[in-house]
Amino acid sequence: MANSFFRNAFNRVVEARERQVARYVNGALLNLDDETLKGLGTSREELRRKGATSYVF
């Protein structure tokens, strides 16, 4: 029981961090021009739909 509790907690932390990183990367990709995004196989609308955040460190 205890092992599954900690495993579930760890997995949820990892999933939350992955979502946070994806939003950060989407925000960084929005700084690229449309031709570069097209070359990467994505668009501004798709990145905005997935969510984008910029962080200041």
Protein backbone atom coordinates (compact mmCIF):
# COMPACT_ATOMS: atom_id res chain seq x y z
CA MET A 1 0.00 0.00 0.00
CA ALA A 2 2.68 2.52 1.01
CA ASN A 3 4.73 1.74 -2.05
CA SER A 4 1.81 2.39 -4.39
CA PHE A 5 0.97 5.64 -2.59
CA PHE A 6 4.47 7.02 -3.07
CA ARG A 7 4.67 5.70 -6.62
CA ASN A 8 1.36 7.42 -7.50
CA ALA A 9 2.48 10.65 -5.85
CA PHE A 10 5.77 10.57 -7.73
CA ASN A 11 4.02 9.86 -11.04
CA ARG A 12 1.66 12.79 -10.53
CA VAL A 13 4.55 15.14 -9.77
CA VAL A 14 6.34 13.99 -12.92
CA GLU A 15 3.19 14.43 -15.03
CA ALA A 16 2.63 17.94 -13.67
CA ARG A 17 6.23 18.87 -14.38
CA GLU A 18 5.95 17.50 -17.93
CA ARG A 19 2.90 19.68 -18.56
CA GLN A 20 4.74 22.70 -17.17
CA VAL A 21 7.74 22.08 -19.42
CA ALA A 22 5.50 21.60 -22.47
CA ARG A 23 3.85 24.99 -21.84
CA TYR A 24 7.27 26.60 -21.46
CA VAL A 25 8.57 25.06 -24.71
CA ASN A 26 5.41 26.12 -26.55
CA GLY A 27 5.98 29.67 -25.33
CA ALA A 28 9.55 29.60 -26.59
CA LEU A 29 8.45 28.18 -29.95
CA LEU A 30 5.99 31.05 -30.36
CA ASN A 31 9.01 33.35 -30.67
CA LEU A 32 9.99 31.64 -33.93
CA ASP A 33 8.80 32.84 -37.32
CA ASP A 34 5.97 31.11 -39.20
CA GLU A 35 8.25 29.47 -41.78
CA THR A 36 10.36 27.84 -39.08
CA LEU A 37 7.25 26.62 -37.27
CA LYS A 38 5.91 25.22 -40.53
CA GLY A 39 9.22 23.41 -41.02
CA LEU A 40 8.83 21.90 -37.55
CA GLY A 41 5.35 20.70 -38.49
CA THR A 42 3.35 22.96 -36.20
CA SER A 43 1.58 26.31 -36.27
CA ARG A 44 1.01 29.23 -33.94
CA GLU A 45 -2.64 28.29 -33.52
CA GLU A 46 -1.72 24.75 -32.51
CA LEU A 47 0.84 25.98 -29.98
CA ARG A 48 -1.65 28.44 -28.48
CA ARG A 49 -4.29 25.72 -28.31
CA LYS A 50 -1.89 23.44 -26.41
CA GLY A 51 -1.08 26.28 -24.01
CA ALA A 52 1.94 28.50 -23.80
CA THR A 53 3.60 30.24 -20.89
CA SER A 54 6.76 32.26 -20.65
CA TYR A 55 8.74 32.20 -17.45
CA VAL A 56 11.21 34.83 -16.32
CA PHE A 57 14.12 33.40 -14.36
